[in-house]
Amino acid sequence: MFRRAILYPVAAVLAGVIFLCVEAPAKESQKTRSTLYRSEIVATVRRSTERFDWAAAARERIVASAQAWRSMPDDDLWELMF
């Protein structure tokens, strides 16, 4: 019970952070920090992917499933949203 109560929230945060923090091609940006997650959360998730096999596997699945969006130009992504 305790494991499930901790696992689901951690997995949800991990999925979101990984999706937002995957290394993308370098691009000039004025953004200086994450909009959705504090740096402490990002650091915790990154450590988890190094420490736990399940977290690393989740990261790989999320990155693979996001590849279509990662390869799209910003303008195309913008059009999908609005």
PDB file of N, CA and C in Angstrom:
ATOM      1  N   MET A   1       0.835  -1.188   0.000  1.00  0.00           N
ATOM      2  CA  MET A   1       0.000   0.000   0.000  1.00  0.00           C
ATOM      3  C   MET A   1       0.878   1.251   0.000  1.00  0.00           C
ATOM      4  N   PHE A   2       1.867   1.290   0.891  1.00  0.00           N
ATOM      5  CA  PHE A   2       2.762   2.450   0.963  1.00  0.00           C
ATOM      6  C   PHE A   2       3.518   2.623  -0.350  1.00  0.00           C
ATOM      7  N   ARG A   3       3.982   1.507  -0.901  1.00  0.00           N
ATOM      8  CA  ARG A   3       4.762   1.576  -2.138  1.00  0.00           C
ATOM      9  C   ARG A   3       3.910   2.163  -3.270  1.00  0.00           C
ATOM     10  N   ARG A   4       2.673   1.751  -3.386  1.00  0.00           N
ATOM     11  CA  ARG A   4       1.790   2.261  -4.423  1.00  0.00           C
ATOM     12  C   ARG A   4       1.488   3.739  -4.194  1.00  0.00           C
ATOM     13  N   ALA A   5       1.303   4.130  -2.942  1.00  0.00           N
ATOM     14  CA  ALA A   5       0.996   5.521  -2.628  1.00  0.00           C
ATOM     15  C   ALA A   5       2.154   6.438  -3.002  1.00  0.00           C
ATOM     16  N   ILE A   6       3.360   5.949  -2.944  1.00  0.00           N
ATOM     17  CA  ILE A   6       4.539   6.739  -3.301  1.00  0.00           C
ATOM     18  C   ILE A   6       4.851   6.594  -4.794  1.00  0.00           C
ATOM     19  N   LEU A   7       4.720   5.395  -5.324  1.00  0.00           N
ATOM     20  CA  LEU A   7       5.132   5.104  -6.691  1.00  0.00           C
ATOM     21  C   LEU A   7       4.361   5.922  -7.718  1.00  0.00           C
ATOM     22  N   TYR A   8       3.060   6.001  -7.617  1.00  0.00           N
ATOM     23  CA  TYR A   8       2.258   6.696  -8.624  1.00  0.00           C
ATOM     24  C   TYR A   8       2.564   8.194  -8.695  1.00  0.00           C
ATOM     25  N   PRO A   9       2.593   8.899  -7.578  1.00  0.00           N
ATOM     26  CA  PRO A   9       2.939  10.330  -7.681  1.00  0.00           C
ATOM     27  C   PRO A   9       4.360  10.552  -8.206  1.00  0.00           C
ATOM     28  N   VAL A  10       5.293   9.720  -7.771  1.00  0.00           N
ATOM     29  CA  VAL A  10       6.679   9.863  -8.235  1.00  0.00           C
ATOM     30  C   VAL A  10       6.754   9.584  -9.734  1.00  0.00           C
ATOM     31  N   ALA A  11       6.050   8.557 -10.188  1.00  0.00           N
ATOM     32  CA  ALA A  11       6.048   8.224 -11.612  1.00  0.00           C
ATOM     33  C   ALA A  11       5.421   9.349 -12.431  1.00  0.00           C
ATOM     34  N   ALA A  12       4.359   9.949 -11.926  1.00  0.00           N
ATOM     35  CA  ALA A  12       3.707  11.049 -12.647  1.00  0.00           C
ATOM     36  C   ALA A  12       4.633  12.254 -12.757  1.00  0.00           C
ATOM     37  N   VAL A  13       5.283  12.594 -11.664  1.00  0.00           N
ATOM     38  CA  VAL A  13       6.221  13.716 -11.690  1.00  0.00           C
ATOM     39  C   VAL A  13       7.385  13.387 -12.608  1.00  0.00           C
ATOM     40  N   LEU A  14       7.888  12.176 -12.506  1.00  0.00           N
ATOM     41  CA  LEU A  14       8.999  11.743 -13.352  1.00  0.00           C
ATOM     42  C   LEU A  14       8.637  11.876 -14.825  1.00  0.00           C
ATOM     43  N   ALA A  15       7.468  11.419 -15.192  1.00  0.00           N
ATOM     44  CA  ALA A  15       7.046  11.489 -16.592  1.00  0.00           C
ATOM     45  C   ALA A  15       7.008  12.930 -17.074  1.00  0.00           C
ATOM     46  N   GLY A  16       6.420  13.800 -16.296  1.00  0.00           N
ATOM     47  CA  GLY A  16       6.333  15.200 -16.688  1.00  0.00           C
ATOM     48  C   GLY A  16       7.679  15.873 -16.781  1.00  0.00           C
ATOM     49  N   VAL A  17       8.506  15.646 -15.804  1.00  0.00           N
ATOM     50  CA  VAL A  17       9.818  16.291 -15.784  1.00  0.00           C
ATOM     51  C   VAL A  17      10.690  15.773 -16.915  1.00  0.00           C
ATOM     52  N   ILE A  18      10.671  14.489 -17.132  1.00  0.00           N
ATOM     53  CA  ILE A  18      11.494  13.937 -18.198  1.00  0.00           C
ATOM     54  C   ILE A  18      11.046  14.494 -19.541  1.00  0.00           C
ATOM     55  N   PHE A  19       9.750  14.540 -19.743  1.00  0.00           N
ATOM     56  CA  PHE A  19       9.241  15.062 -20.999  1.00  0.00           C
ATOM     57  C   PHE A  19       9.709  16.498 -21.218  1.00  0.00           C
ATOM     58  N   LEU A  20       9.730  17.286 -20.171  1.00  0.00           N
ATOM     59  CA  LEU A  20      10.092  18.695 -20.294  1.00  0.00           C
ATOM     60  C   LEU A  20      11.593  18.943 -20.253  1.00  0.00           C
ATOM     61  N   CYS A  21      12.344  18.005 -19.717  1.00  0.00           N
ATOM     62  CA  CYS A  21      13.766  18.263 -19.490  1.00  0.00           C
ATOM     63  C   CYS A  21      14.697  17.465 -20.387  1.00  0.00           C
ATOM     64  N   VAL A  22      14.156  16.725 -21.311  1.00  0.00           N
ATOM     65  CA  VAL A  22      15.005  15.960 -22.214  1.00  0.00           C
ATOM     66  C   VAL A  22      15.843  16.936 -23.011  1.00  0.00           C
ATOM     67  N   GLU A  23      17.064  16.582 -23.204  1.00  0.00           N
ATOM     68  CA  GLU A  23      17.946  17.471 -23.940  1.00  0.00           C
ATOM     69  C   GLU A  23      17.432  17.641 -25.359  1.00  0.00           C
ATOM     70  N   ALA A  24      17.277  18.849 -25.756  1.00  0.00           N
ATOM     71  CA  ALA A  24      16.843  19.190 -27.104  1.00  0.00           C
ATOM     72  C   ALA A  24      17.989  19.910 -27.802  1.00  0.00           C
ATOM     73  N   PRO A  25      17.909  20.032 -29.105  1.00  0.00           N
ATOM     74  CA  PRO A  25      18.972  20.763 -29.802  1.00  0.00           C
ATOM     75  C   PRO A  25      19.126  22.166 -29.220  1.00  0.00           C
ATOM     76  N   ALA A  26      20.362  22.624 -29.129  1.00  0.00           N
ATOM     77  CA  ALA A  26      20.624  23.946 -28.569  1.00  0.00           C
ATOM     78  C   ALA A  26      19.929  25.007 -29.409  1.00  0.00           C
ATOM     79  N   LYS A  27      19.320  25.939 -28.729  1.00  0.00           N
ATOM     80  CA  LYS A  27      18.561  26.981 -29.408  1.00  0.00           C
ATOM     81  C   LYS A  27      18.607  28.222 -28.535  1.00  0.00           C
ATOM     82  N   GLU A  28      18.707  29.358 -29.166  1.00  0.00           N
ATOM     83  CA  GLU A  28      18.724  30.588 -28.409  1.00  0.00           C
ATOM     84  C   GLU A  28      17.381  30.776 -27.723  1.00  0.00           C
ATOM     85  N   SER A  29      17.404  31.065 -26.443  1.00  0.00           N
ATOM     86  CA  SER A  29      16.166  31.218 -25.689  1.00  0.00           C
ATOM     87  C   SER A  29      16.374  32.223 -24.577  1.00  0.00           C
ATOM     88  N   GLN A  30      15.315  32.915 -24.235  1.00  0.00           N
ATOM     89  CA  GLN A  30      15.368  33.839 -23.121  1.00  0.00           C
ATOM     90  C   GLN A  30      14.936  33.161 -21.832  1.00  0.00           C
ATOM     91  N   LYS A  31      14.434  31.967 -21.940  1.00  0.00           N
ATOM     92  CA  LYS A  31      13.974  31.236 -20.763  1.00  0.00           C
ATOM     93  C   LYS A  31      15.175  30.857 -19.903  1.00  0.00           C
ATOM     94  N   THR A  32      15.083  31.100 -18.606  1.00  0.00           N
ATOM     95  CA  THR A  32      16.212  30.828 -17.718  1.00  0.00           C
ATOM     96  C   THR A  32      15.939  29.714 -16.723  1.00  0.00           C
ATOM     97  N   ARG A  33      14.678  29.309 -16.565  1.00  0.00           N
ATOM     98  CA  ARG A  33      14.379  28.225 -15.625  1.00  0.00           C
ATOM     99  C   ARG A  33      13.075  27.550 -16.020  1.00  0.00           C
ATOM    100  N   SER A  34      12.813  26.427 -15.399  1.00  0.00           N
ATOM    101  CA  SER A  34      11.595  25.675 -15.663  1.00  0.00           C
ATOM    102  C   SER A  34      10.372  26.469 -15.240  1.00  0.00           C
ATOM    103  N   THR A  35       9.338  26.360 -16.020  1.00  0.00           N
ATOM    104  CA  THR A  35       8.088  27.042 -15.704  1.00  0.00           C
ATOM    105  C   THR A  35       7.215  26.188 -14.789  1.00  0.00           C
ATOM    106  N   LEU A  36       7.264  24.881 -14.967  1.00  0.00           N
ATOM    107  CA  LEU A  36       6.354  23.997 -14.251  1.00  0.00           C
ATOM    108  C   LEU A  36       6.941  23.332 -13.013  1.00  0.00           C
ATOM    109  N   TYR A  37       8.241  23.059 -13.018  1.00  0.00           N
ATOM    110  CA  TYR A  37       8.844  22.296 -11.924  1.00  0.00           C
ATOM    111  C   TYR A  37      10.022  23.053 -11.316  1.00  0.00           C
ATOM    112  N   ARG A  38      10.077  23.040  -9.988  1.00  0.00           N
ATOM    113  CA  ARG A  38      11.213  23.648  -9.292  1.00  0.00           C
ATOM    114  C   ARG A  38      12.481  22.842  -9.590  1.00  0.00           C
ATOM    115  N   SER A  39      13.615  23.492  -9.507  1.00  0.00           N
ATOM    116  CA  SER A  39      14.887  22.832  -9.812  1.00  0.00           C
ATOM    117  C   SER A  39      15.146  21.637  -8.895  1.00  0.00           C
ATOM    118  N   GLU A  40      14.649  21.693  -7.660  1.00  0.00           N
ATOM    119  CA  GLU A  40      14.835  20.569  -6.735  1.00  0.00           C
ATOM    120  C   GLU A  40      14.113  19.320  -7.238  1.00  0.00           C
ATOM    121  N   ILE A  41      12.926  19.502  -7.791  1.00  0.00           N
ATOM    122  CA  ILE A  41      12.153  18.369  -8.319  1.00  0.00           C
ATOM    123  C   ILE A  41      12.876  17.780  -9.528  1.00  0.00           C
ATOM    124  N   VAL A  42      13.342  18.632 -10.411  1.00  0.00           N
ATOM    125  CA  VAL A  42      14.062  18.169 -11.599  1.00  0.00           C
ATOM    126  C   VAL A  42      15.301  17.382 -11.183  1.00  0.00           C
ATOM    127  N   ALA A  43      16.038  17.885 -10.211  1.00  0.00           N
ATOM    128  CA  ALA A  43      17.248  17.200  -9.747  1.00  0.00           C
ATOM    129  C   ALA A  43      16.911  15.840  -9.133  1.00  0.00           C
ATOM    130  N   THR A  44      15.842  15.777  -8.368  1.00  0.00           N
ATOM    131  CA  THR A  44      15.427  14.514  -7.752  1.00  0.00           C
ATOM    132  C   THR A  44      15.064  13.483  -8.805  1.00  0.00           C
ATOM    133  N   VAL A  45      14.327  13.915  -9.809  1.00  0.00           N
ATOM    134  CA  VAL A  45      13.930  12.993 -10.876  1.00  0.00           C
ATOM    135  C   VAL A  45      15.146  12.517 -11.658  1.00  0.00           C
ATOM    136  N   ARG A  46      16.050  13.416 -11.954  1.00  0.00           N
ATOM    137  CA  ARG A  46      17.261  13.012 -12.685  1.00  0.00           C
ATOM    138  C   ARG A  46      18.087  12.011 -11.882  1.00  0.00           C
ATOM    139  N   ARG A  47      18.196  12.236 -10.572  1.00  0.00           N
ATOM    140  CA  ARG A  47      18.914  11.269  -9.721  1.00  0.00           C
ATOM    141  C   ARG A  47      18.194   9.930  -9.713  1.00  0.00           C
ATOM    142  N   SER A  48      16.880   9.972  -9.705  1.00  0.00           N
ATOM    143  CA  SER A  48      16.097   8.729  -9.700  1.00  0.00           C
ATOM    144  C   SER A  48      16.356   7.909 -10.960  1.00  0.00           C
ATOM    145  N   THR A  49      16.494   8.587 -12.104  1.00  0.00           N
ATOM    146  CA  THR A  49      16.748   7.844 -13.340  1.00  0.00           C
ATOM    147  C   THR A  49      18.128   7.201 -13.338  1.00  0.00           C
ATOM    148  N   GLU A  50      19.041   7.751 -12.575  1.00  0.00           N
ATOM    149  CA  GLU A  50      20.365   7.147 -12.450  1.00  0.00           C
ATOM    150  C   GLU A  50      20.376   6.025 -11.414  1.00  0.00           C
ATOM    151  N   ARG A  51      19.510   6.124 -10.434  1.00  0.00           N
ATOM    152  CA  ARG A  51      19.537   5.199  -9.303  1.00  0.00           C
ATOM    153  C   ARG A  51      18.614   3.989  -9.479  1.00  0.00           C
ATOM    154  N   PHE A  52      17.449   4.200 -10.093  1.00  0.00           N
ATOM    155  CA  PHE A  52      16.437   3.142 -10.168  1.00  0.00           C
ATOM    156  C   PHE A  52      16.211   2.693 -11.608  1.00  0.00           C
ATOM    157  N   ASP A  53      16.208   1.381 -11.803  1.00  0.00           N
ATOM    158  CA  ASP A  53      15.976   0.830 -13.138  1.00  0.00           C
ATOM    159  C   ASP A  53      14.596   1.203 -13.670  1.00  0.00           C
ATOM    160  N   TRP A  54      13.575   1.175 -12.806  1.00  0.00           N
ATOM    161  CA  TRP A  54      12.224   1.496 -13.268  1.00  0.00           C
ATOM    162  C   TRP A  54      12.132   2.943 -13.741  1.00  0.00           C
ATOM    163  N   ALA A  55      12.863   3.837 -13.096  1.00  0.00           N
ATOM    164  CA  ALA A  55      12.840   5.246 -13.492  1.00  0.00           C
ATOM    165  C   ALA A  55      13.565   5.429 -14.822  1.00  0.00           C
ATOM    166  N   ALA A  56      14.682   4.754 -14.995  1.00  0.00           N
ATOM    167  CA  ALA A  56      15.411   4.839 -16.261  1.00  0.00           C
ATOM    168  C   ALA A  56      14.570   4.273 -17.399  1.00  0.00           C
ATOM    169  N   ALA A  57      13.887   3.167 -17.148  1.00  0.00           N
ATOM    170  CA  ALA A  57      13.025   2.569 -18.175  1.00  0.00           C
ATOM    171  C   ALA A  57      11.865   3.498 -18.517  1.00  0.00           C
ATOM    172  N   ALA A  58      11.294   4.136 -17.497  1.00  0.00           N
ATOM    173  CA  ALA A  58      10.195   5.084 -17.738  1.00  0.00           C
ATOM    174  C   ALA A  58      10.693   6.256 -18.573  1.00  0.00           C
ATOM    175  N   ARG A  59      11.877   6.749 -18.258  1.00  0.00           N
ATOM    176  CA  ARG A  59      12.448   7.853 -19.024  1.00  0.00           C
ATOM    177  C   ARG A  59      12.608   7.464 -20.485  1.00  0.00           C
ATOM    178  N   GLU A  60      13.149   6.287 -20.737  1.00  0.00           N
ATOM    179  CA  GLU A  60      13.358   5.840 -22.112  1.00  0.00           C
ATOM    180  C   GLU A  60      12.042   5.719 -22.869  1.00  0.00           C
ATOM    181  N   ARG A  61      11.012   5.182 -22.212  1.00  0.00           N
ATOM    182  CA  ARG A  61       9.696   5.062 -22.862  1.00  0.00           C
ATOM    183  C   ARG A  61       9.114   6.433 -23.181  1.00  0.00           C
ATOM    184  N   ILE A  62       9.226   7.346 -22.241  1.00  0.00           N
ATOM    185  CA  ILE A  62       8.660   8.688 -22.422  1.00  0.00           C
ATOM    186  C   ILE A  62       9.395   9.431 -23.528  1.00  0.00           C
ATOM    187  N   VAL A  63      10.708   9.353 -23.529  1.00  0.00           N
ATOM    188  CA  VAL A  63      11.495  10.029 -24.563  1.00  0.00           C
ATOM    189  C   VAL A  63      11.158   9.451 -25.939  1.00  0.00           C
ATOM    190  N   ALA A  64      11.049   8.144 -26.029  1.00  0.00           N
ATOM    191  CA  ALA A  64      10.718   7.508 -27.312  1.00  0.00           C
ATOM    192  C   ALA A  64       9.330   7.927 -27.790  1.00  0.00           C
ATOM    193  N   SER A  65       8.378   7.979 -26.879  1.00  0.00           N
ATOM    194  CA  SER A  65       7.019   8.344 -27.288  1.00  0.00           C
ATOM    195  C   SER A  65       6.907   9.821 -27.639  1.00  0.00           C
ATOM    196  N   ALA A  66       7.818  10.646 -27.165  1.00  0.00           N
ATOM    197  CA  ALA A  66       7.787  12.080 -27.455  1.00  0.00           C
ATOM    198  C   ALA A  66       8.592  12.445 -28.697  1.00  0.00           C
ATOM    199  N   GLN A  67       9.241  11.484 -29.312  1.00  0.00           N
ATOM    200  CA  GLN A  67      10.132  11.778 -30.437  1.00  0.00           C
ATOM    201  C   GLN A  67       9.425  12.514 -31.567  1.00  0.00           C
ATOM    202  N   ALA A  68       8.203  12.160 -31.869  1.00  0.00           N
ATOM    203  CA  ALA A  68       7.481  12.829 -32.963  1.00  0.00           C
ATOM    204  C   ALA A  68       7.362  14.330 -32.693  1.00  0.00           C
ATOM    205  N   TRP A  69       7.052  14.698 -31.461  1.00  0.00           N
ATOM    206  CA  TRP A  69       6.910  16.111 -31.115  1.00  0.00           C
ATOM    207  C   TRP A  69       8.266  16.802 -31.036  1.00  0.00           C
ATOM    208  N   ARG A  70       9.274  16.098 -30.552  1.00  0.00           N
ATOM    209  CA  ARG A  70      10.609  16.693 -30.434  1.00  0.00           C
ATOM    210  C   ARG A  70      11.179  17.053 -31.798  1.00  0.00           C
ATOM    211  N   SER A  71      10.801  16.317 -32.823  1.00  0.00           N
ATOM    212  CA  SER A  71      11.355  16.574 -34.150  1.00  0.00           C
ATOM    213  C   SER A  71      10.558  17.623 -34.929  1.00  0.00           C
ATOM    214  N   MET A  72       9.417  18.047 -34.392  1.00  0.00           N
ATOM    215  CA  MET A  72       8.592  19.045 -35.078  1.00  0.00           C
ATOM    216  C   MET A  72       9.133  20.455 -34.852  1.00  0.00           C
ATOM    217  N   PRO A  73       9.035  21.302 -35.873  1.00  0.00           N
ATOM    218  CA  PRO A  73       9.415  22.711 -35.683  1.00  0.00           C
ATOM    219  C   PRO A  73       8.472  23.379 -34.674  1.00  0.00           C
ATOM    220  N   ASP A  74       8.963  24.386 -34.005  1.00  0.00           N
ATOM    221  CA  ASP A  74       8.165  25.092 -33.002  1.00  0.00           C
ATOM    222  C   ASP A  74       6.848  25.611 -33.563  1.00  0.00           C
ATOM    223  N   ASP A  75       6.874  26.135 -34.776  1.00  0.00           N
ATOM    224  CA  ASP A  75       5.651  26.672 -35.366  1.00  0.00           C
ATOM    225  C   ASP A  75       4.581  25.594 -35.540  1.00  0.00           C
ATOM    226  N   ASP A  76       5.005  24.395 -35.920  1.00  0.00           N
ATOM    227  CA  ASP A  76       4.045  23.293 -36.065  1.00  0.00           C
ATOM    228  C   ASP A  76       3.456  22.894 -34.717  1.00  0.00           C
ATOM    229  N   LEU A  77       4.289  22.864 -33.689  1.00  0.00           N
ATOM    230  CA  LEU A  77       3.788  22.556 -32.348  1.00  0.00           C
ATOM    231  C   LEU A  77       2.799  23.615 -31.889  1.00  0.00           C
ATOM    232  N   TRP A  78       3.112  24.846 -32.167  1.00  0.00           N
ATOM    233  CA  TRP A  78       2.238  25.952 -31.800  1.00  0.00           C
ATOM    234  C   TRP A  78       0.868  25.789 -32.462  1.00  0.00           C
ATOM    235  N   GLU A  79       0.883  25.411 -33.719  1.00  0.00           N
ATOM    236  CA  GLU A  79      -0.371  25.208 -34.451  1.00  0.00           C
ATOM    237  C   GLU A  79      -1.201  24.066 -33.859  1.00  0.00           C
ATOM    238  N   LEU A  80      -0.550  23.067 -33.319  1.00  0.00           N
ATOM    239  CA  LEU A  80      -1.283  21.967 -32.680  1.00  0.00           C
ATOM    240  C   LEU A  80      -2.016  22.431 -31.425  1.00  0.00           C
ATOM    241  N   MET A  81      -1.447  23.403 -30.743  1.00  0.00           N
ATOM    242  CA  MET A  81      -2.039  23.877 -29.486  1.00  0.00           C
ATOM    243  C   MET A  81      -3.137  24.893 -29.703  1.00  0.00           C
ATOM    244  N   PHE A  82      -3.005  25.736 -30.712  1.00  0.00           N
ATOM    245  CA  PHE A  82      -3.949  26.854 -30.859  1.00  0.00           C
ATOM    246  C   PHE A  82      -4.585  26.885 -32.208  1.00  0.00           C
TER     247      PHE A  82
END
